[in-house]
Amino acid sequence: MDHPLPPPALRRHAGAILLLATGLLAGCANIAATPAGTPLADMESQYGTPSYTCTRPDGARRVVWSQLPSGSYAWGTDLDAQGRAVRMETLMSPEHFALLRQGDWTPEAVRCEFGPPGRVGAVGLGEKHEVVWSYYYVLDGRWHSVMYVYFGPNGDKVTHYHSGPDQRYQRSE
């Protein structure tokens, strides 16, 4: 089976495109490897300003770098009293979402832990009405997925959560 060559313009710029893509992926991989004790100023110079910051109930400051709503990755860390990373974590994973099983989670606590959702919606009618936050992530490095976090009829605490396929990546037949 013959495969046609890419257009000349694409061939001329293939090296630059590959270099750019490699650089973007390297930047994403590096943030997850940020060592504990790294000053916030150093992280900001490497990764830019965090997309979300908050203060936890215990007074700890949390910073999140998120690619949502259009991307599927987010990283976060708490800062110690000197403004240094405690531990950089990948936030968009089933393992990290499992934290929602422990205790009561308000919308503010969820946003502080995971960053802003990729989408906010609602399901149900009347007493079954619930606010739903959607967090996009990649499962096992290849399955584009969504974690749906439900806040119940009052919208004041997490009632349940579950994952599903990310419809943005579904083929239409």
N, C-alpha and C. Protein backbone atom coordinates (compact mmCIF):
# COMPACT_ATOMS: atom_id res chain seq x y z
N MET A 1 0.84 -1.17 0.00
CA MET A 1 0.00 0.00 0.00
C MET A 1 0.89 1.23 0.00
N ASP A 2 0.65 2.14 -0.93
CA ASP A 2 1.44 3.37 -1.03
C ASP A 2 0.90 4.42 -0.09
N HIS A 3 1.81 5.13 0.57
CA HIS A 3 1.43 6.24 1.43
C HIS A 3 1.97 7.51 0.80
N PRO A 4 1.11 8.48 0.53
CA PRO A 4 1.60 9.72 -0.07
C PRO A 4 2.45 10.49 0.93
N LEU A 5 3.38 11.25 0.40
CA LEU A 5 4.22 12.11 1.24
C LEU A 5 3.39 13.28 1.74
N PRO A 6 3.75 13.82 2.90
CA PRO A 6 3.05 15.01 3.38
C PRO A 6 3.32 16.17 2.43
N PRO A 7 2.47 17.20 2.48
CA PRO A 7 2.68 18.37 1.62
C PRO A 7 4.06 18.98 1.87
N PRO A 8 4.65 19.64 0.85
CA PRO A 8 5.99 20.22 1.00
C PRO A 8 6.12 21.16 2.20
N ALA A 9 5.10 21.98 2.45
CA ALA A 9 5.19 22.92 3.58
C ALA A 9 5.33 22.16 4.90
N LEU A 10 4.60 21.06 5.03
CA LEU A 10 4.68 20.28 6.25
C LEU A 10 6.05 19.62 6.38
N ARG A 11 6.59 19.13 5.27
CA ARG A 11 7.92 18.52 5.31
C ARG A 11 8.97 19.54 5.71
N ARG A 12 8.86 20.78 5.20
CA ARG A 12 9.84 21.82 5.52
C ARG A 12 9.81 22.17 7.00
N HIS A 13 8.65 22.12 7.61
CA HIS A 13 8.50 22.56 9.00
C HIS A 13 8.40 21.40 9.99
N ALA A 14 8.55 20.18 9.52
CA ALA A 14 8.38 19.02 10.39
C ALA A 14 9.33 19.05 11.58
N GLY A 15 10.58 19.45 11.35
CA GLY A 15 11.55 19.51 12.45
C GLY A 15 11.14 20.51 13.51
N ALA A 16 10.69 21.68 13.08
CA ALA A 16 10.26 22.71 14.03
C ALA A 16 9.02 22.26 14.79
N ILE A 17 8.09 21.60 14.10
CA ILE A 17 6.88 21.12 14.75
C ILE A 17 7.24 20.06 15.80
N LEU A 18 8.12 19.14 15.44
CA LEU A 18 8.55 18.10 16.37
C LEU A 18 9.25 18.69 17.58
N LEU A 19 10.10 19.68 17.36
CA LEU A 19 10.82 20.33 18.45
C LEU A 19 9.84 21.04 19.39
N LEU A 20 8.86 21.75 18.83
CA LEU A 20 7.87 22.43 19.64
C LEU A 20 7.06 21.43 20.46
N ALA A 21 6.59 20.36 19.83
CA ALA A 21 5.81 19.35 20.53
C ALA A 21 6.62 18.71 21.65
N THR A 22 7.88 18.41 21.38
CA THR A 22 8.75 17.81 22.39
C THR A 22 8.93 18.77 23.57
N GLY A 23 9.12 20.04 23.27
CA GLY A 23 9.28 21.03 24.33
C GLY A 23 8.05 21.16 25.19
N LEU A 24 6.87 21.14 24.57
CA LEU A 24 5.63 21.23 25.33
C LEU A 24 5.46 20.01 26.23
N LEU A 25 5.72 18.83 25.70
CA LEU A 25 5.60 17.63 26.51
C LEU A 25 6.63 17.60 27.63
N ALA A 26 7.83 18.06 27.36
CA ALA A 26 8.86 18.09 28.39
C ALA A 26 8.45 19.02 29.52
N GLY A 27 7.85 20.16 29.18
CA GLY A 27 7.39 21.09 30.20
C GLY A 27 6.35 20.47 31.10
N CYS A 28 5.43 19.69 30.50
CA CYS A 28 4.40 19.02 31.28
C CYS A 28 5.01 17.97 32.20
N ALA A 29 5.95 17.22 31.69
CA ALA A 29 6.57 16.16 32.48
C ALA A 29 7.39 16.74 33.63
N ASN A 30 8.04 17.86 33.41
CA ASN A 30 8.91 18.44 34.43
C ASN A 30 8.16 18.93 35.66
N ILE A 31 6.98 19.47 35.48
CA ILE A 31 6.26 20.01 36.64
C ILE A 31 5.94 18.90 37.64
N ALA A 32 5.62 17.71 37.17
CA ALA A 32 5.32 16.60 38.07
C ALA A 32 6.54 16.17 38.87
N ALA A 33 7.73 16.44 38.35
CA ALA A 33 8.97 16.04 39.02
C ALA A 33 9.55 17.14 39.90
N THR A 34 8.80 18.21 40.14
CA THR A 34 9.28 19.30 40.98
C THR A 34 9.57 18.77 42.38
N PRO A 35 10.80 18.93 42.86
CA PRO A 35 11.13 18.38 44.18
C PRO A 35 10.51 19.20 45.32
N ALA A 36 10.22 18.51 46.42
CA ALA A 36 9.77 19.19 47.62
C ALA A 36 10.82 20.22 48.01
N GLY A 37 10.37 21.36 48.52
CA GLY A 37 11.29 22.41 48.93
C GLY A 37 11.57 23.45 47.86
N THR A 38 11.03 23.26 46.65
CA THR A 38 11.24 24.24 45.59
C THR A 38 10.45 25.50 45.90
N PRO A 39 11.10 26.69 45.89
CA PRO A 39 10.38 27.93 46.16
C PRO A 39 9.34 28.23 45.07
N LEU A 40 8.23 28.84 45.48
CA LEU A 40 7.18 29.21 44.53
C LEU A 40 7.74 30.07 43.41
N ALA A 41 8.63 30.99 43.72
CA ALA A 41 9.20 31.86 42.68
C ALA A 41 9.91 31.05 41.60
N ASP A 42 10.61 29.99 41.99
CA ASP A 42 11.28 29.12 41.01
C ASP A 42 10.26 28.38 40.16
N MET A 43 9.19 27.89 40.78
CA MET A 43 8.15 27.19 40.03
C MET A 43 7.47 28.14 39.05
N GLU A 44 7.21 29.37 39.49
CA GLU A 44 6.58 30.34 38.60
C GLU A 44 7.48 30.71 37.44
N SER A 45 8.78 30.79 37.66
CA SER A 45 9.68 31.12 36.55
C SER A 45 9.75 29.98 35.54
N GLN A 46 9.56 28.75 35.98
CA GLN A 46 9.59 27.60 35.06
C GLN A 46 8.24 27.32 34.41
N TYR A 47 7.15 27.43 35.17
CA TYR A 47 5.85 26.97 34.69
C TYR A 47 4.82 28.09 34.55
N GLY A 48 5.19 29.30 34.92
CA GLY A 48 4.25 30.42 34.85
C GLY A 48 3.46 30.54 36.14
N THR A 49 2.62 31.54 36.16
CA THR A 49 1.78 31.79 37.33
C THR A 49 0.78 30.65 37.50
N PRO A 50 0.57 30.17 38.72
CA PRO A 50 -0.44 29.12 38.90
C PRO A 50 -1.80 29.59 38.38
N SER A 51 -2.57 28.67 37.83
CA SER A 51 -3.88 29.03 37.32
C SER A 51 -4.91 29.18 38.43
N TYR A 52 -4.60 28.66 39.62
CA TYR A 52 -5.51 28.78 40.75
C TYR A 52 -4.72 28.72 42.05
N THR A 53 -5.09 29.56 42.99
CA THR A 53 -4.51 29.52 44.33
C THR A 53 -5.64 29.62 45.35
N CYS A 54 -5.43 29.04 46.51
CA CYS A 54 -6.44 29.11 47.57
C CYS A 54 -5.74 28.89 48.91
N THR A 55 -6.48 29.12 49.96
CA THR A 55 -5.99 28.86 51.31
C THR A 55 -6.87 27.78 51.92
N ARG A 56 -6.24 26.73 52.42
CA ARG A 56 -6.97 25.63 53.05
C ARG A 56 -7.45 26.05 54.44
N PRO A 57 -8.42 25.32 55.00
CA PRO A 57 -8.91 25.66 56.34
C PRO A 57 -7.81 25.70 57.40
N ASP A 58 -6.73 24.89 57.22
CA ASP A 58 -5.64 24.90 58.20
C ASP A 58 -4.66 26.04 57.97
N GLY A 59 -4.93 26.90 56.97
CA GLY A 59 -4.07 28.04 56.69
C GLY A 59 -3.02 27.81 55.62
N ALA A 60 -2.83 26.55 55.20
CA ALA A 60 -1.84 26.25 54.15
C ALA A 60 -2.29 26.86 52.82
N ARG A 61 -1.34 27.39 52.10
CA ARG A 61 -1.63 27.94 50.77
C ARG A 61 -1.43 26.84 49.74
N ARG A 62 -2.37 26.72 48.80
CA ARG A 62 -2.31 25.71 47.75
C ARG A 62 -2.22 26.41 46.40
N VAL A 63 -1.38 25.86 45.51
CA VAL A 63 -1.25 26.40 44.16
C VAL A 63 -1.49 25.27 43.16
N VAL A 64 -2.20 25.60 42.07
CA VAL A 64 -2.56 24.61 41.05
C VAL A 64 -2.21 25.17 39.69
N TRP A 65 -1.56 24.35 38.87
CA TRP A 65 -1.33 24.65 37.46
C TRP A 65 -2.23 23.70 36.69
N SER A 66 -3.20 24.23 35.97
CA SER A 66 -4.19 23.40 35.30
C SER A 66 -4.27 23.72 33.81
N GLN A 67 -4.47 22.68 33.01
CA GLN A 67 -4.72 22.86 31.58
C GLN A 67 -6.22 22.86 31.28
N LEU A 68 -7.06 22.60 32.29
CA LEU A 68 -8.50 22.61 32.07
C LEU A 68 -8.96 24.04 31.81
N PRO A 69 -9.97 24.32 31.01
CA PRO A 69 -10.97 23.38 30.54
C PRO A 69 -10.63 22.64 29.25
N SER A 70 -9.69 23.14 28.47
CA SER A 70 -9.43 22.51 27.18
C SER A 70 -8.47 21.33 27.27
N GLY A 71 -7.66 21.26 28.31
CA GLY A 71 -6.71 20.17 28.46
C GLY A 71 -7.19 19.13 29.45
N SER A 72 -6.30 18.20 29.80
CA SER A 72 -6.68 17.08 30.67
C SER A 72 -5.70 16.85 31.81
N TYR A 73 -4.87 17.84 32.11
CA TYR A 73 -3.85 17.65 33.15
C TYR A 73 -3.86 18.82 34.12
N ALA A 74 -3.55 18.53 35.37
CA ALA A 74 -3.39 19.57 36.39
C ALA A 74 -2.44 19.04 37.46
N TRP A 75 -1.66 19.95 38.02
CA TRP A 75 -0.71 19.61 39.08
C TRP A 75 -0.88 20.61 40.19
N GLY A 76 -0.65 20.18 41.43
CA GLY A 76 -0.79 21.10 42.54
C GLY A 76 0.11 20.71 43.69
N THR A 77 0.34 21.70 44.55
CA THR A 77 1.12 21.47 45.76
C THR A 77 0.67 22.45 46.82
N ASP A 78 0.79 22.04 48.06
CA ASP A 78 0.66 22.98 49.17
C ASP A 78 2.01 23.64 49.34
N LEU A 79 2.00 24.83 49.92
CA LEU A 79 3.25 25.54 50.21
C LEU A 79 3.46 25.57 51.72
N ASP A 80 4.71 25.41 52.14
CA ASP A 80 5.00 25.52 53.57
C ASP A 80 5.05 27.00 53.96
N ALA A 81 5.36 27.28 55.21
CA ALA A 81 5.36 28.66 55.71
C ALA A 81 6.36 29.55 54.98
N GLN A 82 7.40 28.96 54.38
CA GLN A 82 8.40 29.73 53.63
C GLN A 82 8.05 29.84 52.14
N GLY A 83 6.88 29.35 51.74
CA GLY A 83 6.48 29.44 50.34
C GLY A 83 7.15 28.41 49.44
N ARG A 84 7.48 27.26 50.01
CA ARG A 84 8.14 26.19 49.24
C ARG A 84 7.17 25.01 49.06
N ALA A 85 7.35 24.29 47.94
CA ALA A 85 6.49 23.15 47.63
C ALA A 85 6.62 22.07 48.70
N VAL A 86 5.50 21.55 49.15
CA VAL A 86 5.50 20.42 50.07
C VAL A 86 5.66 19.13 49.26
N ARG A 87 4.81 18.93 48.25
CA ARG A 87 4.89 17.77 47.37
C ARG A 87 4.02 18.05 46.14
N MET A 88 4.62 18.07 44.96
CA MET A 88 3.88 18.28 43.72
C MET A 88 3.11 17.00 43.40
N GLU A 89 1.83 17.16 43.07
CA GLU A 89 0.98 16.00 42.78
C GLU A 89 0.28 16.17 41.44
N THR A 90 0.10 15.06 40.75
CA THR A 90 -0.76 15.04 39.57
C THR A 90 -2.19 14.95 40.10
N LEU A 91 -3.02 15.93 39.75
CA LEU A 91 -4.35 16.02 40.34
C LEU A 91 -5.42 15.26 39.57
N MET A 92 -5.26 15.12 38.27
CA MET A 92 -6.29 14.50 37.44
C MET A 92 -6.01 13.01 37.27
N SER A 93 -6.33 12.24 38.30
CA SER A 93 -6.16 10.78 38.25
C SER A 93 -7.21 10.14 39.16
N PRO A 94 -7.62 8.91 38.84
CA PRO A 94 -8.59 8.23 39.71
C PRO A 94 -8.08 8.11 41.15
N GLU A 95 -6.78 7.90 41.30
CA GLU A 95 -6.21 7.77 42.64
C GLU A 95 -6.37 9.06 43.44
N HIS A 96 -6.16 10.20 42.78
CA HIS A 96 -6.30 11.46 43.51
C HIS A 96 -7.78 11.78 43.77
N PHE A 97 -8.64 11.46 42.80
CA PHE A 97 -10.08 11.70 43.02
C PHE A 97 -10.62 10.84 44.16
N ALA A 98 -9.94 9.74 44.50
CA ALA A 98 -10.38 8.88 45.60
C ALA A 98 -10.39 9.63 46.93
N LEU A 99 -9.70 10.77 47.02
CA LEU A 99 -9.76 11.59 48.23
C LEU A 99 -11.20 12.00 48.55
N LEU A 100 -12.03 12.09 47.52
CA LEU A 100 -13.42 12.52 47.72
C LEU A 100 -14.23 11.52 48.56
N ARG A 101 -13.71 10.33 48.77
CA ARG A 101 -14.38 9.32 49.60
C ARG A 101 -14.28 9.65 51.08
N GLN A 102 -13.31 10.47 51.44
CA GLN A 102 -13.02 10.75 52.85
C GLN A 102 -13.64 12.08 53.27
N GLY A 103 -14.50 12.06 54.25
CA GLY A 103 -15.04 13.29 54.82
C GLY A 103 -16.05 13.99 53.93
N ASP A 104 -16.41 15.21 54.32
CA ASP A 104 -17.34 16.03 53.56
C ASP A 104 -16.56 17.02 52.72
N TRP A 105 -16.96 17.17 51.47
CA TRP A 105 -16.28 18.06 50.53
C TRP A 105 -17.25 19.14 50.05
N THR A 106 -16.94 20.38 50.36
CA THR A 106 -17.70 21.51 49.85
C THR A 106 -17.18 21.86 48.46
N PRO A 107 -17.94 22.65 47.70
CA PRO A 107 -17.40 23.10 46.40
C PRO A 107 -16.07 23.83 46.55
N GLU A 108 -15.92 24.63 47.60
CA GLU A 108 -14.67 25.37 47.81
C GLU A 108 -13.50 24.41 48.05
N ALA A 109 -13.74 23.36 48.84
CA ALA A 109 -12.68 22.39 49.13
C ALA A 109 -12.30 21.60 47.87
N VAL A 110 -13.28 21.24 47.05
CA VAL A 110 -13.00 20.52 45.80
C VAL A 110 -12.18 21.40 44.86
N ARG A 111 -12.60 22.66 44.72
CA ARG A 111 -11.87 23.58 43.84
C ARG A 111 -10.45 23.80 44.35
N CYS A 112 -10.26 23.88 45.65
CA CYS A 112 -8.93 24.08 46.21
C CYS A 112 -8.05 22.86 45.99
N GLU A 113 -8.61 21.67 46.10
CA GLU A 113 -7.82 20.43 45.93
C GLU A 113 -7.49 20.14 44.47
N PHE A 114 -8.47 20.31 43.57
CA PHE A 114 -8.32 19.87 42.18
C PHE A 114 -8.21 21.02 41.18
N GLY A 115 -8.46 22.24 41.62
CA GLY A 115 -8.51 23.37 40.70
C GLY A 115 -9.91 23.52 40.13
N PRO A 116 -10.13 24.56 39.33
CA PRO A 116 -11.45 24.77 38.76
C PRO A 116 -11.83 23.62 37.81
N PRO A 117 -13.12 23.27 37.77
CA PRO A 117 -13.54 22.20 36.87
C PRO A 117 -13.47 22.64 35.41
N GLY A 118 -13.44 21.65 34.53
CA GLY A 118 -13.46 21.95 33.10
C GLY A 118 -14.83 22.41 32.64
N ARG A 119 -15.86 21.97 33.34
CA ARG A 119 -17.24 22.32 32.97
C ARG A 119 -18.11 22.20 34.21
N VAL A 120 -19.10 23.08 34.30
CA VAL A 120 -20.10 23.00 35.36
C VAL A 120 -21.45 22.83 34.69
N GLY A 121 -22.21 21.85 35.14
CA GLY A 121 -23.53 21.60 34.57
C GLY A 121 -24.49 21.16 35.66
N ALA A 122 -25.63 20.66 35.24
CA ALA A 122 -26.64 20.18 36.17
C ALA A 122 -27.39 19.02 35.53
N VAL A 123 -27.88 18.13 36.37
CA VAL A 123 -28.70 17.01 35.92
C VAL A 123 -29.91 16.90 36.83
N GLY A 124 -30.95 16.22 36.35
CA GLY A 124 -32.13 15.94 37.15
C GLY A 124 -33.10 17.10 37.23
N LEU A 125 -34.26 16.79 37.77
CA LEU A 125 -35.33 17.78 37.94
C LEU A 125 -35.83 17.74 39.38
N GLY A 126 -36.37 18.87 39.83
CA GLY A 126 -36.97 18.93 41.15
C GLY A 126 -36.02 18.51 42.25
N GLU A 127 -36.48 17.59 43.09
CA GLU A 127 -35.66 17.14 44.22
C GLU A 127 -34.46 16.31 43.78
N LYS A 128 -34.43 15.87 42.54
CA LYS A 128 -33.30 15.10 42.02
C LYS A 128 -32.27 15.98 41.31
N HIS A 129 -32.48 17.29 41.30
CA HIS A 129 -31.55 18.22 40.66
C HIS A 129 -30.21 18.21 41.39
N GLU A 130 -29.12 18.12 40.62
CA GLU A 130 -27.78 18.17 41.19
C GLU A 130 -26.85 18.97 40.30
N VAL A 131 -25.98 19.74 40.92
CA VAL A 131 -24.90 20.42 40.20
C VAL A 131 -23.80 19.40 39.96
N VAL A 132 -23.23 19.41 38.74
CA VAL A 132 -22.18 18.44 38.39
C VAL A 132 -20.98 19.20 37.85
N TRP A 133 -19.82 18.93 38.44
CA TRP A 133 -18.56 19.47 37.92
C TRP A 133 -17.87 18.37 37.14
N SER A 134 -17.31 18.73 35.98
CA SER A 134 -16.60 17.78 35.13
C SER A 134 -15.12 18.11 35.11
N TYR A 135 -14.31 17.11 35.45
CA TYR A 135 -12.85 17.24 35.39
C TYR A 135 -12.33 16.27 34.32
N TYR A 136 -11.59 16.80 33.35
CA TYR A 136 -11.06 15.98 32.26
C TYR A 136 -9.69 15.44 32.64
N TYR A 137 -9.45 14.18 32.30
CA TYR A 137 -8.14 13.57 32.57
C TYR A 137 -7.88 12.45 31.57
N VAL A 138 -6.66 11.94 31.59
CA VAL A 138 -6.27 10.83 30.71
C VAL A 138 -5.98 9.62 31.59
N LEU A 139 -6.73 8.56 31.38
CA LEU A 139 -6.60 7.33 32.16
C LEU A 139 -5.57 6.41 31.51
N ASP A 140 -4.64 5.93 32.30
CA ASP A 140 -3.61 5.00 31.82
C ASP A 140 -2.84 5.53 30.62
N GLY A 141 -2.70 6.84 30.54
CA GLY A 141 -1.90 7.45 29.48
C GLY A 141 -2.53 7.43 28.10
N ARG A 142 -3.79 6.96 27.98
CA ARG A 142 -4.36 6.91 26.63
C ARG A 142 -5.87 7.08 26.54
N TRP A 143 -6.62 6.90 27.62
CA TRP A 143 -8.07 6.97 27.55
C TRP A 143 -8.55 8.33 28.07
N HIS A 144 -9.03 9.16 27.18
CA HIS A 144 -9.55 10.47 27.58
C HIS A 144 -10.85 10.25 28.36
N SER A 145 -10.86 10.73 29.59
CA SER A 145 -11.95 10.45 30.51
C SER A 145 -12.43 11.73 31.19
N VAL A 146 -13.56 11.61 31.87
CA VAL A 146 -14.12 12.70 32.66
C VAL A 146 -14.49 12.16 34.03
N MET A 147 -14.13 12.90 35.07
CA MET A 147 -14.60 12.58 36.41
C MET A 147 -15.74 13.54 36.71
N TYR A 148 -16.93 12.97 36.94
CA TYR A 148 -18.11 13.77 37.26
C TYR A 148 -18.26 13.83 38.77
N VAL A 149 -18.30 15.04 39.32
CA VAL A 149 -18.42 15.24 40.76
C VAL A 149 -19.77 15.91 41.01
N TYR A 150 -20.65 15.23 41.77
CA TYR A 150 -22.02 15.68 42.01
C TYR A 150 -22.12 16.37 43.38
N PHE A 151 -22.85 17.49 43.40
CA PHE A 151 -22.97 18.27 44.63
C PHE A 151 -24.36 18.26 45.25
N GLY A 152 -25.22 17.35 44.88
CA GLY A 152 -26.52 17.21 45.51
C GLY A 152 -27.47 18.35 45.22
N PRO A 153 -28.69 18.24 45.72
CA PRO A 153 -29.72 19.23 45.40
C PRO A 153 -29.43 20.63 45.94
N ASN A 154 -28.71 20.72 47.04
CA ASN A 154 -28.39 22.04 47.60
C ASN A 154 -27.09 22.60 47.04
N GLY A 155 -26.31 21.77 46.37
CA GLY A 155 -25.03 22.22 45.81
C GLY A 155 -23.98 22.54 46.85
N ASP A 156 -24.16 22.02 48.08
CA ASP A 156 -23.25 22.42 49.15
C ASP A 156 -22.21 21.38 49.54
N LYS A 157 -22.37 20.12 49.08
CA LYS A 157 -21.35 19.11 49.39
C LYS A 157 -21.41 17.98 48.36
N VAL A 158 -20.28 17.30 48.21
CA VAL A 158 -20.20 16.18 47.27
C VAL A 158 -21.07 15.03 47.79
N THR A 159 -21.91 14.52 46.88
CA THR A 159 -22.74 13.36 47.23
C THR A 159 -22.17 12.08 46.62
N HIS A 160 -21.60 12.18 45.44
CA HIS A 160 -20.96 11.03 44.80
C HIS A 160 -20.17 11.52 43.59
N TYR A 161 -19.40 10.60 43.02
CA TYR A 161 -18.63 10.93 41.82
C TYR A 161 -18.42 9.64 41.03
N HIS A 162 -18.20 9.78 39.74
CA HIS A 162 -17.89 8.63 38.89
C HIS A 162 -17.21 9.11 37.63
N SER A 163 -16.55 8.18 36.95
CA SER A 163 -15.86 8.53 35.71
C SER A 163 -16.62 8.00 34.51
N GLY A 164 -16.26 8.53 33.35
CA GLY A 164 -16.84 8.10 32.09
C GLY A 164 -15.94 8.56 30.96
N PRO A 165 -16.25 8.15 29.73
CA PRO A 165 -15.43 8.56 28.59
C PRO A 165 -15.63 10.05 28.29
N ASP A 166 -14.59 10.69 27.81
CA ASP A 166 -14.66 12.10 27.42
C ASP A 166 -15.25 12.16 26.01
N GLN A 167 -16.46 12.66 25.91
CA GLN A 167 -17.18 12.71 24.63
C GLN A 167 -16.48 13.59 23.61
N ARG A 168 -15.60 14.46 24.04
CA ARG A 168 -14.88 15.32 23.09
C ARG A 168 -13.97 14.49 22.19
N TYR A 169 -13.65 13.27 22.60
CA TYR A 169 -12.74 12.42 21.84
C TYR A 169 -13.44 11.21 21.22
N GLN A 170 -14.76 11.17 21.27
CA GLN A 170 -15.50 10.06 20.68
C GLN A 170 -15.66 10.28 19.18
N ARG A 171 -15.48 9.23 18.43
CA ARG A 171 -15.67 9.31 16.98
C ARG A 171 -17.16 9.34 16.67
N SER A 172 -17.52 10.16 15.70
CA SER A 172 -18.90 10.13 15.23
C SER A 172 -18.95 9.24 14.00
N GLU A 173 -19.90 8.37 13.97
CA GLU A 173 -19.99 7.40 12.87
C GLU A 173 -20.94 7.90 11.81
